[in-house]
Amino acid sequence: MQCPNCGDSNTHVADSRNSGQEVRRRRECAHCGARFTTYERAQRASLQVIKRDGRRDDFDHEKLLRSLRLACAKRPIPSGALEKLAGEIESDLHELGRADIPTSAIGDTALARIRELDPVAYVRYASVYRDFDTLEGFIEEVRGFQVEPPPPDPSGQLELIPNAYAVPAKRPGRRGRRPRITQPAVAASS
């Protein structure tokens, strides 16, 4: 690996981390001392997308990510979630074990994944993907989507990111005013 700073090929790995899909390596140049990061990914066979009219195109990860960003515009989605989602969708498509993927498989996989992320983004994506002709089709899609609250965590651990759709828990305790506590009257001694 050549150093991007001085071009010397004498570099060594200072730190390496495996994230499951890629290996992140922190490298240091022996000549100039500059540090830089490299990523290693397994190169998979390229996917061919079969369009509705029969044409074939290469699968474009950026195009998928762009469509997810449009559906999730102005939604409270954590940073990095869309990149992760696009990677998961692409992994799901590779797991199908076919080199030729119809556009319907990409759309169905994306809908299934985005449904778990955000209900409004799901309806937005479905409205473009399913190309609703009438208002009734759109209304049916919204009715078919029912938000189910996640099951309570049995460990009792708090969520890292609060769920915006959760019903707030009632506070334990008494209702109404607190009783006044009065001190008993002390008899004056004469």
C-alpha atoms as a PDB file:
ATOM      1  CA  MET A   1       0.000   0.000   0.000  1.00  0.00           C
ATOM      2  CA  GLN A   2       1.474   3.348  -0.996  1.00  0.00           C
ATOM      3  CA  CYS A   3       1.380   6.335   1.329  1.00  0.00           C
ATOM      4  CA  PRO A   4      -0.954   9.042  -0.062  1.00  0.00           C
ATOM      5  CA  ASN A   5       1.345  11.701   1.444  1.00  0.00           C
ATOM      6  CA  CYS A   6       4.795  10.774   0.101  1.00  0.00           C
ATOM      7  CA  GLY A   7       4.117   7.797  -2.214  1.00  0.00           C
ATOM      8  CA  ASP A   8       6.449   5.426  -0.341  1.00  0.00           C
ATOM      9  CA  SER A   9       5.316   1.774  -0.341  1.00  0.00           C
ATOM     10  CA  ASN A  10       6.786   0.972   3.086  1.00  0.00           C
ATOM     11  CA  THR A  11       3.674   1.193   5.311  1.00  0.00           C
ATOM     12  CA  HIS A  12       2.495  -0.935   8.218  1.00  0.00           C
ATOM     13  CA  VAL A  13      -0.886  -1.588   9.840  1.00  0.00           C
ATOM     14  CA  ALA A  14      -1.285   0.186  13.184  1.00  0.00           C
ATOM     15  CA  ASP A  15      -4.872  -0.905  13.881  1.00  0.00           C
ATOM     16  CA  SER A  16      -7.390  -3.226  12.208  1.00  0.00           C
ATOM     17  CA  ARG A  17     -11.143  -3.573  12.829  1.00  0.00           C
ATOM     18  CA  ASN A  18     -13.616  -5.946  11.220  1.00  0.00           C
ATOM     19  CA  SER A  19     -17.165  -4.604  10.885  1.00  0.00           C
ATOM     20  CA  GLY A  20     -18.628  -7.726   9.285  1.00  0.00           C
ATOM     21  CA  GLN A  21     -18.857  -6.404   5.734  1.00  0.00           C
ATOM     22  CA  GLU A  22     -15.486  -4.684   5.558  1.00  0.00           C
ATOM     23  CA  VAL A  23     -12.139  -4.453   7.317  1.00  0.00           C
ATOM     24  CA  ARG A  24     -10.959  -1.003   8.364  1.00  0.00           C
ATOM     25  CA  ARG A  25      -7.187  -0.667   8.631  1.00  0.00           C
ATOM     26  CA  ARG A  26      -5.312   2.281  10.115  1.00  0.00           C
ATOM     27  CA  ARG A  27      -1.894   2.452   8.442  1.00  0.00           C
ATOM     28  CA  GLU A  28       1.295   4.403   9.112  1.00  0.00           C
ATOM     29  CA  CYS A  29       4.028   5.293   6.650  1.00  0.00           C
ATOM     30  CA  ALA A  30       7.537   4.284   7.763  1.00  0.00           C
ATOM     31  CA  HIS A  31       9.106   7.041   5.652  1.00  0.00           C
ATOM     32  CA  CYS A  32       7.125  10.191   6.555  1.00  0.00           C
ATOM     33  CA  GLY A  33       5.081   8.999   9.564  1.00  0.00           C
ATOM     34  CA  ALA A  34       1.725   9.971   8.025  1.00  0.00           C
ATOM     35  CA  ARG A  35      -1.312   7.960   9.093  1.00  0.00           C
ATOM     36  CA  PHE A  36      -4.196   7.023   6.784  1.00  0.00           C
ATOM     37  CA  THR A  37      -7.153   4.649   6.686  1.00  0.00           C
ATOM     38  CA  THR A  38      -7.935   1.929   4.146  1.00  0.00           C
ATOM     39  CA  TYR A  39     -11.024  -0.238   3.773  1.00  0.00           C
ATOM     40  CA  GLU A  40     -11.084  -3.789   2.433  1.00  0.00           C
ATOM     41  CA  ARG A  41     -14.295  -5.295   1.079  1.00  0.00           C
ATOM     42  CA  ALA A  42     -14.903  -8.613  -0.585  1.00  0.00           C
ATOM     43  CA  GLN A  43     -15.738  -8.034  -4.213  1.00  0.00           C
ATOM     44  CA  ARG A  44     -18.991  -9.725  -5.056  1.00  0.00           C
ATOM     45  CA  ALA A  45     -20.287 -10.667  -8.454  1.00  0.00           C
ATOM     46  CA  SER A  46     -22.035  -7.711 -10.032  1.00  0.00           C
ATOM     47  CA  LEU A  47     -25.809  -7.732 -10.112  1.00  0.00           C
ATOM     48  CA  GLN A  48     -27.709  -7.131 -13.319  1.00  0.00           C
ATOM     49  CA  VAL A  49     -31.068  -5.383 -12.975  1.00  0.00           C
ATOM     50  CA  ILE A  50     -33.799  -6.521 -15.362  1.00  0.00           C
ATOM     51  CA  LYS A  51     -36.054  -3.536 -16.093  1.00  0.00           C
ATOM     52  CA  ARG A  52     -39.785  -3.824 -16.788  1.00  0.00           C
ATOM     53  CA  ASP A  53     -39.206  -3.346 -20.512  1.00  0.00           C
ATOM     54  CA  GLY A  54     -36.584  -6.146 -20.586  1.00  0.00           C
ATOM     55  CA  ARG A  55     -33.457  -3.969 -20.647  1.00  0.00           C
ATOM     56  CA  ARG A  56     -30.547  -4.903 -18.395  1.00  0.00           C
ATOM     57  CA  ASP A  57     -28.447  -2.463 -16.373  1.00  0.00           C
ATOM     58  CA  ASP A  58     -25.788  -2.814 -13.716  1.00  0.00           C
ATOM     59  CA  PHE A  59     -27.051  -2.520 -10.149  1.00  0.00           C
ATOM     60  CA  ASP A  60     -26.291   0.989  -8.868  1.00  0.00           C
ATOM     61  CA  HIS A  61     -25.883   1.256  -5.097  1.00  0.00           C
ATOM     62  CA  GLU A  62     -25.918   5.067  -5.270  1.00  0.00           C
ATOM     63  CA  LYS A  63     -29.236   5.080  -7.158  1.00  0.00           C
ATOM     64  CA  LEU A  64     -30.793   2.926  -4.425  1.00  0.00           C
ATOM     65  CA  LEU A  65     -29.371   5.198  -1.736  1.00  0.00           C
ATOM     66  CA  ARG A  66     -30.723   8.273  -3.570  1.00  0.00           C
ATOM     67  CA  SER A  67     -34.235   6.793  -3.691  1.00  0.00           C
ATOM     68  CA  LEU A  68     -34.089   5.968   0.032  1.00  0.00           C
ATOM     69  CA  ARG A  69     -32.955   9.520   0.811  1.00  0.00           C
ATOM     70  CA  LEU A  70     -35.885  10.947  -1.150  1.00  0.00           C
ATOM     71  CA  ALA A  71     -38.373   8.770   0.722  1.00  0.00           C
ATOM     72  CA  CYS A  72     -36.821   9.684   4.085  1.00  0.00           C
ATOM     73  CA  ALA A  73     -36.440  13.421   3.455  1.00  0.00           C
ATOM     74  CA  LYS A  74     -37.196  15.504   6.551  1.00  0.00           C
ATOM     75  CA  ARG A  75     -37.802  12.406   8.685  1.00  0.00           C
ATOM     76  CA  PRO A  76     -36.154  11.822  12.101  1.00  0.00           C
ATOM     77  CA  ILE A  77     -33.821   9.074  10.911  1.00  0.00           C
ATOM     78  CA  PRO A  78     -30.404   8.661  12.571  1.00  0.00           C
ATOM     79  CA  SER A  79     -27.361   9.531  10.504  1.00  0.00           C
ATOM     80  CA  GLY A  80     -25.817   6.538   8.816  1.00  0.00           C
ATOM     81  CA  ALA A  81     -29.064   4.564   8.946  1.00  0.00           C
ATOM     82  CA  LEU A  82     -29.775   4.988   5.234  1.00  0.00           C
ATOM     83  CA  GLU A  83     -26.295   3.862   4.200  1.00  0.00           C
ATOM     84  CA  LYS A  84     -26.683   0.826   6.423  1.00  0.00           C
ATOM     85  CA  LEU A  85     -30.154   0.168   5.014  1.00  0.00           C
ATOM     86  CA  ALA A  86     -28.904   0.343   1.419  1.00  0.00           C
ATOM     87  CA  GLY A  87     -26.100  -2.073   2.300  1.00  0.00           C
ATOM     88  CA  GLU A  88     -28.580  -4.494   3.895  1.00  0.00           C
ATOM     89  CA  ILE A  89     -30.836  -4.355   0.833  1.00  0.00           C
ATOM     90  CA  GLU A  90     -27.889  -5.057  -1.447  1.00  0.00           C
ATOM     91  CA  SER A  91     -26.803  -7.961   0.783  1.00  0.00           C
ATOM     92  CA  ASP A  92     -30.343  -9.376   0.660  1.00  0.00           C
ATOM     93  CA  LEU A  93     -30.234  -9.219  -3.135  1.00  0.00           C
ATOM     94  CA  HIS A  94     -26.861 -11.004  -3.245  1.00  0.00           C
ATOM     95  CA  GLU A  95     -28.243 -13.705  -0.943  1.00  0.00           C
ATOM     96  CA  LEU A  96     -30.879 -14.530  -3.556  1.00  0.00           C
ATOM     97  CA  GLY A  97     -28.036 -16.255  -5.394  1.00  0.00           C
ATOM     98  CA  ARG A  98     -28.894 -14.872  -8.819  1.00  0.00           C
ATOM     99  CA  ALA A  99     -26.926 -12.501 -10.999  1.00  0.00           C
ATOM    100  CA  ASP A 100     -30.066 -11.179 -12.744  1.00  0.00           C
ATOM    101  CA  ILE A 101     -32.482  -9.404 -10.412  1.00  0.00           C
ATOM    102  CA  PRO A 102     -35.840  -8.009 -11.558  1.00  0.00           C
ATOM    103  CA  THR A 103     -36.683  -4.480 -10.447  1.00  0.00           C
ATOM    104  CA  SER A 104     -39.683  -5.883  -8.572  1.00  0.00           C
ATOM    105  CA  ALA A 105     -37.347  -7.855  -6.267  1.00  0.00           C
ATOM    106  CA  ILE A 106     -35.360  -4.707  -5.499  1.00  0.00           C
ATOM    107  CA  GLY A 107     -38.530  -2.710  -4.780  1.00  0.00           C
ATOM    108  CA  ASP A 108     -40.076  -5.424  -2.594  1.00  0.00           C
ATOM    109  CA  THR A 109     -36.853  -5.860  -0.606  1.00  0.00           C
ATOM    110  CA  ALA A 110     -36.501  -2.099  -0.147  1.00  0.00           C
ATOM    111  CA  LEU A 111     -40.137  -1.802   0.976  1.00  0.00           C
ATOM    112  CA  ALA A 112     -39.747  -4.597   3.517  1.00  0.00           C
ATOM    113  CA  ARG A 113     -36.616  -2.990   4.972  1.00  0.00           C
ATOM    114  CA  ILE A 114     -37.865   0.607   4.984  1.00  0.00           C
ATOM    115  CA  ARG A 115     -41.118  -0.487   6.649  1.00  0.00           C
ATOM    116  CA  GLU A 116     -39.090  -1.381   9.744  1.00  0.00           C
ATOM    117  CA  LEU A 117     -37.362   2.013   9.714  1.00  0.00           C
ATOM    118  CA  ASP A 118     -40.122   4.629   9.356  1.00  0.00           C
ATOM    119  CA  PRO A 119     -43.851   4.439   8.491  1.00  0.00           C
ATOM    120  CA  VAL A 120     -44.002   7.741   6.594  1.00  0.00           C
ATOM    121  CA  ALA A 121     -40.911   6.883   4.544  1.00  0.00           C
ATOM    122  CA  TYR A 122     -42.494   3.509   3.772  1.00  0.00           C
ATOM    123  CA  VAL A 123     -45.663   5.130   2.384  1.00  0.00           C
ATOM    124  CA  ARG A 124     -43.598   7.618   0.370  1.00  0.00           C
ATOM    125  CA  TYR A 125     -41.452   4.848  -1.127  1.00  0.00           C
ATOM    126  CA  ALA A 126     -44.513   2.683  -1.823  1.00  0.00           C
ATOM    127  CA  SER A 127     -46.295   5.563  -3.568  1.00  0.00           C
ATOM    128  CA  VAL A 128     -43.447   5.903  -6.078  1.00  0.00           C
ATOM    129  CA  TYR A 129     -42.639   2.180  -6.384  1.00  0.00           C
ATOM    130  CA  ARG A 130     -46.237   0.987  -6.762  1.00  0.00           C
ATOM    131  CA  ASP A 131     -47.156   3.975  -8.973  1.00  0.00           C
ATOM    132  CA  PHE A 132     -50.647   4.551  -7.605  1.00  0.00           C
ATOM    133  CA  ASP A 133     -53.155   5.535 -10.308  1.00  0.00           C
ATOM    134  CA  THR A 134     -55.934   6.512  -7.943  1.00  0.00           C
ATOM    135  CA  LEU A 135     -56.333   7.890  -4.479  1.00  0.00           C
ATOM    136  CA  GLU A 136     -57.977   4.609  -3.417  1.00  0.00           C
ATOM    137  CA  GLY A 137     -54.764   2.670  -4.035  1.00  0.00           C
ATOM    138  CA  PHE A 138     -52.862   5.107  -1.884  1.00  0.00           C
ATOM    139  CA  ILE A 139     -55.469   4.920   0.895  1.00  0.00           C
ATOM    140  CA  GLU A 140     -55.403   1.100   0.807  1.00  0.00           C
ATOM    141  CA  GLU A 141     -51.625   1.134   1.249  1.00  0.00           C
ATOM    142  CA  VAL A 142     -51.909   3.448   4.254  1.00  0.00           C
ATOM    143  CA  ARG A 143     -54.672   1.305   5.788  1.00  0.00           C
ATOM    144  CA  GLY A 144     -52.614  -1.829   5.240  1.00  0.00           C
ATOM    145  CA  PHE A 145     -49.783  -0.352   7.241  1.00  0.00           C
ATOM    146  CA  GLN A 146     -50.364  -0.829  10.931  1.00  0.00           C
ATOM    147  CA  VAL A 147     -47.740   0.340  13.339  1.00  0.00           C
ATOM    148  CA  GLU A 148     -47.208  -2.295  15.987  1.00  0.00           C
ATOM    149  CA  PRO A 149     -45.397  -1.130  19.105  1.00  0.00           C
ATOM    150  CA  PRO A 150     -42.192  -3.030  19.773  1.00  0.00           C
ATOM    151  CA  PRO A 151     -42.362  -5.592  22.589  1.00  0.00           C
ATOM    152  CA  PRO A 152     -41.021  -4.347  25.922  1.00  0.00           C
ATOM    153  CA  ASP A 153     -37.371  -5.095  26.591  1.00  0.00           C
ATOM    154  CA  PRO A 154     -37.274  -7.914  29.180  1.00  0.00           C
ATOM    155  CA  SER A 155     -33.881  -6.763  30.466  1.00  0.00           C
ATOM    156  CA  GLY A 156     -35.323  -3.416  31.518  1.00  0.00           C
ATOM    157  CA  GLN A 157     -32.508  -1.599  29.715  1.00  0.00           C
ATOM    158  CA  LEU A 158     -33.295   1.872  28.415  1.00  0.00           C
ATOM    159  CA  GLU A 159     -33.328   2.565  24.681  1.00  0.00           C
ATOM    160  CA  LEU A 160     -30.302   4.285  23.179  1.00  0.00           C
ATOM    161  CA  ILE A 161     -32.504   6.224  20.773  1.00  0.00           C
ATOM    162  CA  PRO A 162     -35.968   7.025  22.157  1.00  0.00           C
ATOM    163  CA  ASN A 163     -38.908   5.733  20.150  1.00  0.00           C
ATOM    164  CA  ALA A 164     -40.961   8.708  18.983  1.00  0.00           C
ATOM    165  CA  TYR A 165     -44.088   6.539  18.637  1.00  0.00           C
ATOM    166  CA  ALA A 166     -44.051   5.014  22.119  1.00  0.00           C
ATOM    167  CA  VAL A 167     -46.825   5.832  24.548  1.00  0.00           C
ATOM    168  CA  PRO A 168     -45.353   7.552  27.615  1.00  0.00           C
ATOM    169  CA  ALA A 169     -45.464   5.475  30.765  1.00  0.00           C
ATOM    170  CA  LYS A 170     -47.593   6.677  33.655  1.00  0.00           C
ATOM    171  CA  ARG A 171     -45.722   7.885  36.661  1.00  0.00           C
ATOM    172  CA  PRO A 172     -46.268   5.806  39.760  1.00  0.00           C
ATOM    173  CA  GLY A 173     -47.561   7.534  42.826  1.00  0.00           C
ATOM    174  CA  ARG A 174     -50.582   9.235  44.226  1.00  0.00           C
ATOM    175  CA  ARG A 175     -53.013  11.391  42.372  1.00  0.00           C
ATOM    176  CA  GLY A 176     -54.077  14.791  43.601  1.00  0.00           C
ATOM    177  CA  ARG A 177     -52.581  17.051  46.221  1.00  0.00           C
ATOM    178  CA  ARG A 178     -50.115  15.945  48.804  1.00  0.00           C
ATOM    179  CA  PRO A 179     -51.491  15.999  52.340  1.00  0.00           C
ATOM    180  CA  ARG A 180     -50.215  18.721  54.608  1.00  0.00           C
ATOM    181  CA  ILE A 181     -48.297  17.508  57.570  1.00  0.00           C
ATOM    182  CA  THR A 182     -48.848  19.593  60.627  1.00  0.00           C
ATOM    183  CA  GLN A 183     -46.747  19.544  63.724  1.00  0.00           C
ATOM    184  CA  PRO A 184     -48.544  18.702  66.941  1.00  0.00           C
ATOM    185  CA  ALA A 185     -49.099  21.725  69.138  1.00  0.00           C
ATOM    186  CA  VAL A 186     -46.682  21.865  72.068  1.00  0.00           C
ATOM    187  CA  ALA A 187     -48.287  22.902  75.363  1.00  0.00           C
ATOM    188  CA  ALA A 188     -46.667  25.942  76.850  1.00  0.00           C
ATOM    189  CA  SER A 189     -45.309  25.410  80.309  1.00  0.00           C
ATOM    190  CA  SER A 190     -46.163  27.998  82.941  1.00  0.00           C
END
